[in-house]
Amino acid sequence: MQIDVLTIFPEMLQGYLEQSMMKRASEMGAVTFNYINPRDFTTDVHHCTDDRPYGGGPGMVMKPEPLFAAIESIRRPESRVIYLSPQGHPFKQARAEALVNSAHLILLCGHYEGVDERVIETLVDEEISIGDYVLTNGALAAAVVIDAVVRLIPGVLGGGADATAQESFSSGILDHPHYTRPVEFRGMQVPEVLLSGNHAAINAWRLQQATKKTQRVRPDLL
């Protein structure tokens, strides 16, 4: 998979994507990250990527010329252009699972008041929102989408094919509680069923606990 990110703040993403599992995914050849700065596609002496909005109002809007030039320089028939925007469809696990099959993702990071609507109408395949709130720029949202998608590529997390099979949302509900050593910590015990070796009983307990937590925290999922 190739992921190209269009952002005027590539350093924000490089620091994250060159660590931990994202670095591992890159080193094993599962994904290639590229950063495209729209400033490199400007034609004015100040490399300006934004301007005042027509009709008045606060803030600045990203100009169409450098964004068109940047996207068209890398877009291929198999490319999918995603605009990270508060106005997009809510990003959920099912969407991450679908995007993991993509050969080429182009993530457009909005900044300021967003991007010129002509970019969205002409070049963008879908808009994605990571939540009902507004960020200062789209680089953080891009990092969230990248992490959620890339970790699903087989082999990235290790642990075999089941590495992501029993997580929150994988079965429509939240994940069950997890425990590790020591068995007793500050008077708190690991549930006996997890020490029993009875896998049928353990699976039943985990499903029960996951369902209870979902009912308490996210009843909308049920």
C-alpha atoms as a PDB file:
ATOM      1  CA  MET A   1       0.000   0.000   0.000  1.00  0.00           C
ATOM      2  CA  GLN A   2       1.147   3.531  -0.763  1.00  0.00           C
ATOM      3  CA  ILE A   3      -0.107   6.450   1.308  1.00  0.00           C
ATOM      4  CA  ASP A   4       0.571   9.989   0.128  1.00  0.00           C
ATOM      5  CA  VAL A   5      -0.299  12.782   2.543  1.00  0.00           C
ATOM      6  CA  LEU A   6      -0.812  16.334   1.328  1.00  0.00           C
ATOM      7  CA  THR A   7      -0.083  18.715   4.185  1.00  0.00           C
ATOM      8  CA  ILE A   8       1.740  21.985   4.778  1.00  0.00           C
ATOM      9  CA  PHE A   9       2.990  20.499   8.063  1.00  0.00           C
ATOM     10  CA  PRO A  10       4.677  17.210   7.030  1.00  0.00           C
ATOM     11  CA  GLU A  11       6.921  17.255  10.118  1.00  0.00           C
ATOM     12  CA  MET A  12       3.875  16.676  12.314  1.00  0.00           C
ATOM     13  CA  LEU A  13       3.253  13.340  10.623  1.00  0.00           C
ATOM     14  CA  GLN A  14       6.851  12.251  10.161  1.00  0.00           C
ATOM     15  CA  GLY A  15       7.453  12.234  13.894  1.00  0.00           C
ATOM     16  CA  TYR A  16       4.555   9.838  14.405  1.00  0.00           C
ATOM     17  CA  LEU A  17       4.784   7.613  11.350  1.00  0.00           C
ATOM     18  CA  GLU A  18       8.493   6.936  11.883  1.00  0.00           C
ATOM     19  CA  GLN A  19       7.887   5.293  15.266  1.00  0.00           C
ATOM     20  CA  SER A  20       6.540   2.011  16.621  1.00  0.00           C
ATOM     21  CA  MET A  21       4.188  -0.066  14.457  1.00  0.00           C
ATOM     22  CA  MET A  22       4.007   2.459  11.627  1.00  0.00           C
ATOM     23  CA  LYS A  23       7.799   2.338  11.316  1.00  0.00           C
ATOM     24  CA  ARG A  24       7.665  -1.459  11.405  1.00  0.00           C
ATOM     25  CA  ALA A  25       5.041  -1.521   8.644  1.00  0.00           C
ATOM     26  CA  SER A  26       7.230   0.697   6.490  1.00  0.00           C
ATOM     27  CA  GLU A  27      10.396  -1.302   7.120  1.00  0.00           C
ATOM     28  CA  MET A  28       8.709  -4.601   6.280  1.00  0.00           C
ATOM     29  CA  GLY A  29       7.478  -3.161   2.978  1.00  0.00           C
ATOM     30  CA  ALA A  30       3.779  -3.311   3.855  1.00  0.00           C
ATOM     31  CA  VAL A  31       3.297   0.419   3.298  1.00  0.00           C
ATOM     32  CA  THR A  32       5.123   3.378   1.799  1.00  0.00           C
ATOM     33  CA  PHE A  33       4.570   6.850   3.246  1.00  0.00           C
ATOM     34  CA  ASN A  34       5.114   9.974   1.172  1.00  0.00           C
ATOM     35  CA  TYR A  35       4.604  13.584   2.214  1.00  0.00           C
ATOM     36  CA  ILE A  36       3.608  16.186  -0.343  1.00  0.00           C
ATOM     37  CA  ASN A  37       3.711  19.835   0.643  1.00  0.00           C
ATOM     38  CA  PRO A  38       1.318  21.999  -1.421  1.00  0.00           C
ATOM     39  CA  ARG A  39       3.750  24.888  -0.983  1.00  0.00           C
ATOM     40  CA  ASP A  40       6.024  23.107  -3.464  1.00  0.00           C
ATOM     41  CA  PHE A  41       3.323  23.550  -6.107  1.00  0.00           C
ATOM     42  CA  THR A  42       2.775  27.274  -5.689  1.00  0.00           C
ATOM     43  CA  THR A  43       3.911  29.799  -8.300  1.00  0.00           C
ATOM     44  CA  ASP A  44       4.141  33.010  -6.251  1.00  0.00           C
ATOM     45  CA  VAL A  45       7.276  34.261  -4.531  1.00  0.00           C
ATOM     46  CA  HIS A  46       5.793  33.775  -1.042  1.00  0.00           C
ATOM     47  CA  HIS A  47       4.581  30.179  -1.702  1.00  0.00           C
ATOM     48  CA  CYS A  48       1.108  31.097  -0.506  1.00  0.00           C
ATOM     49  CA  THR A  49      -1.381  28.248  -0.170  1.00  0.00           C
ATOM     50  CA  ASP A  50      -4.320  30.173   1.306  1.00  0.00           C
ATOM     51  CA  ASP A  51      -6.405  33.291   0.712  1.00  0.00           C
ATOM     52  CA  ARG A  52      -9.423  35.139   2.131  1.00  0.00           C
ATOM     53  CA  PRO A  53     -12.844  33.561   1.507  1.00  0.00           C
ATOM     54  CA  TYR A  54     -15.199  35.091  -1.027  1.00  0.00           C
ATOM     55  CA  GLY A  55     -18.279  36.483   0.694  1.00  0.00           C
ATOM     56  CA  GLY A  56     -16.353  37.520   3.772  1.00  0.00           C
ATOM     57  CA  GLY A  57     -16.018  35.799   7.113  1.00  0.00           C
ATOM     58  CA  PRO A  58     -13.162  34.824   9.412  1.00  0.00           C
ATOM     59  CA  GLY A  59     -10.151  32.701   8.607  1.00  0.00           C
ATOM     60  CA  MET A  60      -8.450  31.680   5.400  1.00  0.00           C
ATOM     61  CA  VAL A  61      -9.209  29.035   2.772  1.00  0.00           C
ATOM     62  CA  MET A  62      -6.673  26.824   1.020  1.00  0.00           C
ATOM     63  CA  LYS A  63      -6.331  27.808  -2.634  1.00  0.00           C
ATOM     64  CA  PRO A  64      -7.273  25.395  -5.443  1.00  0.00           C
ATOM     65  CA  GLU A  65      -4.239  25.865  -7.716  1.00  0.00           C
ATOM     66  CA  PRO A  66      -1.537  24.197  -5.575  1.00  0.00           C
ATOM     67  CA  LEU A  67      -3.902  21.449  -4.400  1.00  0.00           C
ATOM     68  CA  PHE A  68      -4.959  20.560  -7.949  1.00  0.00           C
ATOM     69  CA  ALA A  69      -1.334  20.520  -9.074  1.00  0.00           C
ATOM     70  CA  ALA A  70      -0.191  18.412  -6.128  1.00  0.00           C
ATOM     71  CA  ILE A  71      -2.957  15.801  -6.381  1.00  0.00           C
ATOM     72  CA  GLU A  72      -2.786  15.524 -10.164  1.00  0.00           C
ATOM     73  CA  SER A  73       0.972  14.948  -9.966  1.00  0.00           C
ATOM     74  CA  ILE A  74       0.498  11.703  -8.012  1.00  0.00           C
ATOM     75  CA  ARG A  75      -3.017  10.506  -8.792  1.00  0.00           C
ATOM     76  CA  ARG A  76      -3.345   7.180 -10.608  1.00  0.00           C
ATOM     77  CA  PRO A  77      -6.402   5.184 -11.755  1.00  0.00           C
ATOM     78  CA  GLU A  78      -6.294   3.105  -8.550  1.00  0.00           C
ATOM     79  CA  SER A  79      -5.847   6.107  -6.249  1.00  0.00           C
ATOM     80  CA  ARG A  80      -8.466   7.077  -3.675  1.00  0.00           C
ATOM     81  CA  VAL A  81      -8.414  10.709  -2.566  1.00  0.00           C
ATOM     82  CA  ILE A  82      -9.682  11.292   0.972  1.00  0.00           C
ATOM     83  CA  TYR A  83     -10.230  14.733   2.463  1.00  0.00           C
ATOM     84  CA  LEU A  84      -9.981  14.880   6.270  1.00  0.00           C
ATOM     85  CA  SER A  85     -12.793  17.201   7.253  1.00  0.00           C
ATOM     86  CA  PRO A  86     -15.278  17.809  10.113  1.00  0.00           C
ATOM     87  CA  GLN A  87     -17.992  17.663   7.430  1.00  0.00           C
ATOM     88  CA  GLY A  88     -17.036  14.119   6.391  1.00  0.00           C
ATOM     89  CA  HIS A  89     -18.618  10.772   7.121  1.00  0.00           C
ATOM     90  CA  PRO A  90     -17.780   9.488  10.634  1.00  0.00           C
ATOM     91  CA  PHE A  91     -14.703   7.258  10.565  1.00  0.00           C
ATOM     92  CA  LYS A  92     -15.441   3.821  11.990  1.00  0.00           C
ATOM     93  CA  GLN A  93     -13.666   0.485  12.190  1.00  0.00           C
ATOM     94  CA  ALA A  94     -15.609  -0.886   9.240  1.00  0.00           C
ATOM     95  CA  ARG A  95     -14.264   1.915   7.036  1.00  0.00           C
ATOM     96  CA  ALA A  96     -10.697   1.178   8.158  1.00  0.00           C
ATOM     97  CA  GLU A  97     -11.218  -2.478   7.277  1.00  0.00           C
ATOM     98  CA  ALA A  98     -12.416  -1.497   3.812  1.00  0.00           C
ATOM     99  CA  LEU A  99      -9.581   0.952   3.157  1.00  0.00           C
ATOM    100  CA  VAL A 100      -6.911  -1.612   4.020  1.00  0.00           C
ATOM    101  CA  ASN A 101      -7.555  -3.173   0.609  1.00  0.00           C
ATOM    102  CA  SER A 102      -6.617   0.044  -1.196  1.00  0.00           C
ATOM    103  CA  ALA A 103      -3.459   0.160  -3.297  1.00  0.00           C
ATOM    104  CA  HIS A 104      -2.997   3.930  -3.093  1.00  0.00           C
ATOM    105  CA  LEU A 105      -4.487   6.424  -0.653  1.00  0.00           C
ATOM    106  CA  ILE A 106      -4.070  10.170  -1.028  1.00  0.00           C
ATOM    107  CA  LEU A 107      -4.957  11.965   2.198  1.00  0.00           C
ATOM    108  CA  LEU A 108      -5.685  15.659   1.854  1.00  0.00           C
ATOM    109  CA  CYS A 109      -5.245  17.569   5.095  1.00  0.00           C
ATOM    110  CA  GLY A 110      -7.356  20.669   5.438  1.00  0.00           C
ATOM    111  CA  HIS A 111      -6.055  23.708   7.294  1.00  0.00           C
ATOM    112  CA  TYR A 112      -7.510  27.053   8.377  1.00  0.00           C
ATOM    113  CA  GLU A 113     -11.194  27.171   7.283  1.00  0.00           C
ATOM    114  CA  GLY A 114     -10.739  24.234   4.927  1.00  0.00           C
ATOM    115  CA  VAL A 115     -10.120  23.942   1.188  1.00  0.00           C
ATOM    116  CA  ASP A 116     -11.713  25.517  -1.860  1.00  0.00           C
ATOM    117  CA  GLU A 117     -14.917  23.599  -2.630  1.00  0.00           C
ATOM    118  CA  ARG A 118     -13.831  23.033  -6.232  1.00  0.00           C
ATOM    119  CA  VAL A 119     -11.095  20.716  -4.979  1.00  0.00           C
ATOM    120  CA  ILE A 120     -13.666  18.605  -3.137  1.00  0.00           C
ATOM    121  CA  GLU A 121     -16.131  18.527  -6.024  1.00  0.00           C
ATOM    122  CA  THR A 122     -13.530  17.608  -8.658  1.00  0.00           C
ATOM    123  CA  LEU A 123     -10.775  15.560  -7.009  1.00  0.00           C
ATOM    124  CA  VAL A 124     -11.979  14.130  -3.687  1.00  0.00           C
ATOM    125  CA  ASP A 125     -13.506  10.638  -3.608  1.00  0.00           C
ATOM    126  CA  GLU A 126     -14.714  10.842  -0.022  1.00  0.00           C
ATOM    127  CA  GLU A 127     -14.614  13.044   3.053  1.00  0.00           C
ATOM    128  CA  ILE A 128     -13.826  11.505   6.444  1.00  0.00           C
ATOM    129  CA  SER A 129     -14.318  12.961   9.908  1.00  0.00           C
ATOM    130  CA  ILE A 130     -12.693  11.393  12.984  1.00  0.00           C
ATOM    131  CA  GLY A 131     -15.178  13.030  15.352  1.00  0.00           C
ATOM    132  CA  ASP A 132     -17.651  15.817  16.001  1.00  0.00           C
ATOM    133  CA  TYR A 133     -15.070  18.455  16.803  1.00  0.00           C
ATOM    134  CA  VAL A 134     -12.760  20.812  14.916  1.00  0.00           C
ATOM    135  CA  LEU A 135      -8.952  20.552  14.860  1.00  0.00           C
ATOM    136  CA  THR A 136      -6.460  23.231  13.875  1.00  0.00           C
ATOM    137  CA  ASN A 137      -5.381  21.155  10.882  1.00  0.00           C
ATOM    138  CA  GLY A 138      -5.955  17.806   9.223  1.00  0.00           C
ATOM    139  CA  ALA A 139      -2.561  16.247   9.918  1.00  0.00           C
ATOM    140  CA  LEU A 140      -3.725  14.829  13.243  1.00  0.00           C
ATOM    141  CA  ALA A 141      -6.799  13.324  11.611  1.00  0.00           C
ATOM    142  CA  ALA A 142      -4.633  11.822   8.876  1.00  0.00           C
ATOM    143  CA  ALA A 143      -2.435  10.159  11.502  1.00  0.00           C
ATOM    144  CA  VAL A 144      -5.527   8.594  13.099  1.00  0.00           C
ATOM    145  CA  VAL A 145      -6.811   7.205   9.806  1.00  0.00           C
ATOM    146  CA  ILE A 146      -3.376   5.929   8.778  1.00  0.00           C
ATOM    147  CA  ASP A 147      -2.815   4.137  12.083  1.00  0.00           C
ATOM    148  CA  ALA A 148      -6.277   2.540  12.057  1.00  0.00           C
ATOM    149  CA  VAL A 149      -5.794   1.260   8.502  1.00  0.00           C
ATOM    150  CA  VAL A 150      -2.124   0.239   8.462  1.00  0.00           C
ATOM    151  CA  ARG A 151      -2.326  -1.775  11.697  1.00  0.00           C
ATOM    152  CA  LEU A 152      -4.847  -4.026   9.922  1.00  0.00           C
ATOM    153  CA  ILE A 153      -2.388  -5.027   7.199  1.00  0.00           C
ATOM    154  CA  PRO A 154      -1.516  -8.696   7.847  1.00  0.00           C
ATOM    155  CA  GLY A 155       1.797  -9.073   9.664  1.00  0.00           C
ATOM    156  CA  VAL A 156       2.109  -5.488  10.884  1.00  0.00           C
ATOM    157  CA  LEU A 157       1.062  -6.239  14.463  1.00  0.00           C
ATOM    158  CA  GLY A 158       2.481  -9.740  14.570  1.00  0.00           C
ATOM    159  CA  GLY A 159       0.572 -12.426  16.450  1.00  0.00           C
ATOM    160  CA  GLY A 160      -0.848 -14.109  13.361  1.00  0.00           C
ATOM    161  CA  ALA A 161      -4.169 -13.652  11.623  1.00  0.00           C
ATOM    162  CA  ASP A 162      -6.069 -13.213  14.906  1.00  0.00           C
ATOM    163  CA  ALA A 163      -4.088 -10.158  16.043  1.00  0.00           C
ATOM    164  CA  THR A 164      -6.996  -7.787  15.365  1.00  0.00           C
ATOM    165  CA  ALA A 165      -9.894 -10.260  15.444  1.00  0.00           C
ATOM    166  CA  GLN A 166     -10.997  -9.718  19.043  1.00  0.00           C
ATOM    167  CA  GLU A 167     -10.643  -5.969  19.492  1.00  0.00           C
ATOM    168  CA  SER A 168     -13.267  -3.354  20.198  1.00  0.00           C
ATOM    169  CA  PHE A 169     -15.725  -3.031  17.279  1.00  0.00           C
ATOM    170  CA  SER A 170     -14.362  -6.133  15.497  1.00  0.00           C
ATOM    171  CA  SER A 171     -17.498  -8.035  16.556  1.00  0.00           C
ATOM    172  CA  GLY A 172     -19.770  -5.015  16.866  1.00  0.00           C
ATOM    173  CA  ILE A 173     -19.180  -4.463  20.594  1.00  0.00           C
ATOM    174  CA  LEU A 174     -16.385  -3.195  22.821  1.00  0.00           C
ATOM    175  CA  ASP A 175     -13.444  -5.332  23.895  1.00  0.00           C
ATOM    176  CA  HIS A 176     -13.376  -7.418  27.061  1.00  0.00           C
ATOM    177  CA  PRO A 177     -11.113  -6.599  30.064  1.00  0.00           C
ATOM    178  CA  HIS A 178      -7.475  -7.719  29.938  1.00  0.00           C
ATOM    179  CA  TYR A 179      -5.159  -8.823  32.768  1.00  0.00           C
ATOM    180  CA  THR A 180      -1.505  -9.829  33.045  1.00  0.00           C
ATOM    181  CA  ARG A 181       1.020 -10.649  35.796  1.00  0.00           C
ATOM    182  CA  PRO A 182       1.017 -10.436  38.768  1.00  0.00           C
ATOM    183  CA  VAL A 183      -2.070 -12.418  39.795  1.00  0.00           C
ATOM    184  CA  GLU A 184      -2.519 -10.156  42.818  1.00  0.00           C
ATOM    185  CA  PHE A 185      -1.727  -6.431  42.849  1.00  0.00           C
ATOM    186  CA  ARG A 186      -2.590  -4.152  45.770  1.00  0.00           C
ATOM    187  CA  GLY A 187      -5.323  -6.515  46.865  1.00  0.00           C
ATOM    188  CA  MET A 188      -6.846  -6.760  43.399  1.00  0.00           C
ATOM    189  CA  GLN A 189      -7.062 -10.245  41.922  1.00  0.00           C
ATOM    190  CA  VAL A 190      -7.139 -11.523  38.369  1.00  0.00           C
ATOM    191  CA  PRO A 191     -10.551 -13.201  37.848  1.00  0.00           C
ATOM    192  CA  GLU A 192     -10.313 -16.906  38.635  1.00  0.00           C
ATOM    193  CA  VAL A 193     -11.859 -17.952  35.345  1.00  0.00           C
ATOM    194  CA  LEU A 194      -8.838 -16.563  33.457  1.00  0.00           C
ATOM    195  CA  LEU A 195      -6.550 -18.838  35.467  1.00  0.00           C
ATOM    196  CA  SER A 196      -8.690 -21.933  34.985  1.00  0.00           C
ATOM    197  CA  GLY A 197      -7.418 -23.055  31.593  1.00  0.00           C
ATOM    198  CA  ASN A 198     -11.045 -23.688  30.583  1.00  0.00           C
ATOM    199  CA  HIS A 199     -11.151 -21.909  27.245  1.00  0.00           C
ATOM    200  CA  ALA A 200     -14.898 -22.316  26.776  1.00  0.00           C
ATOM    201  CA  ALA A 201     -15.524 -20.702  30.162  1.00  0.00           C
ATOM    202  CA  ILE A 202     -12.967 -17.974  29.422  1.00  0.00           C
ATOM    203  CA  ASN A 203     -14.607 -17.138  26.086  1.00  0.00           C
ATOM    204  CA  ALA A 204     -18.042 -17.014  27.696  1.00  0.00           C
ATOM    205  CA  TRP A 205     -16.743 -14.719  30.458  1.00  0.00           C
ATOM    206  CA  ARG A 206     -15.084 -12.424  27.949  1.00  0.00           C
ATOM    207  CA  LEU A 207     -18.251 -12.139  25.864  1.00  0.00           C
ATOM    208  CA  GLN A 208     -20.294 -11.423  28.983  1.00  0.00           C
ATOM    209  CA  GLN A 209     -17.882  -8.732  30.171  1.00  0.00           C
ATOM    210  CA  ALA A 210     -17.651  -7.146  26.725  1.00  0.00           C
ATOM    211  CA  THR A 211     -21.430  -7.019  26.442  1.00  0.00           C
ATOM    212  CA  LYS A 212     -21.797  -5.499  29.927  1.00  0.00           C
ATOM    213  CA  LYS A 213     -19.247  -2.789  29.160  1.00  0.00           C
ATOM    214  CA  THR A 214     -20.888  -2.015  25.840  1.00  0.00           C
ATOM    215  CA  GLN A 215     -24.277  -1.680  27.537  1.00  0.00           C
ATOM    216  CA  ARG A 216     -22.764   0.711  30.078  1.00  0.00           C
ATOM    217  CA  VAL A 217     -20.482   2.820  27.871  1.00  0.00           C
ATOM    218  CA  ARG A 218     -21.775   2.520  24.275  1.00  0.00           C
ATOM    219  CA  PRO A 219     -25.374   1.239  24.299  1.00  0.00           C
ATOM    220  CA  ASP A 220     -25.788   2.674  20.810  1.00  0.00           C
ATOM    221  CA  LEU A 221     -23.654  -0.196  19.487  1.00  0.00           C
ATOM    222  CA  LEU A 222     -26.257  -2.676  20.681  1.00  0.00           C
END
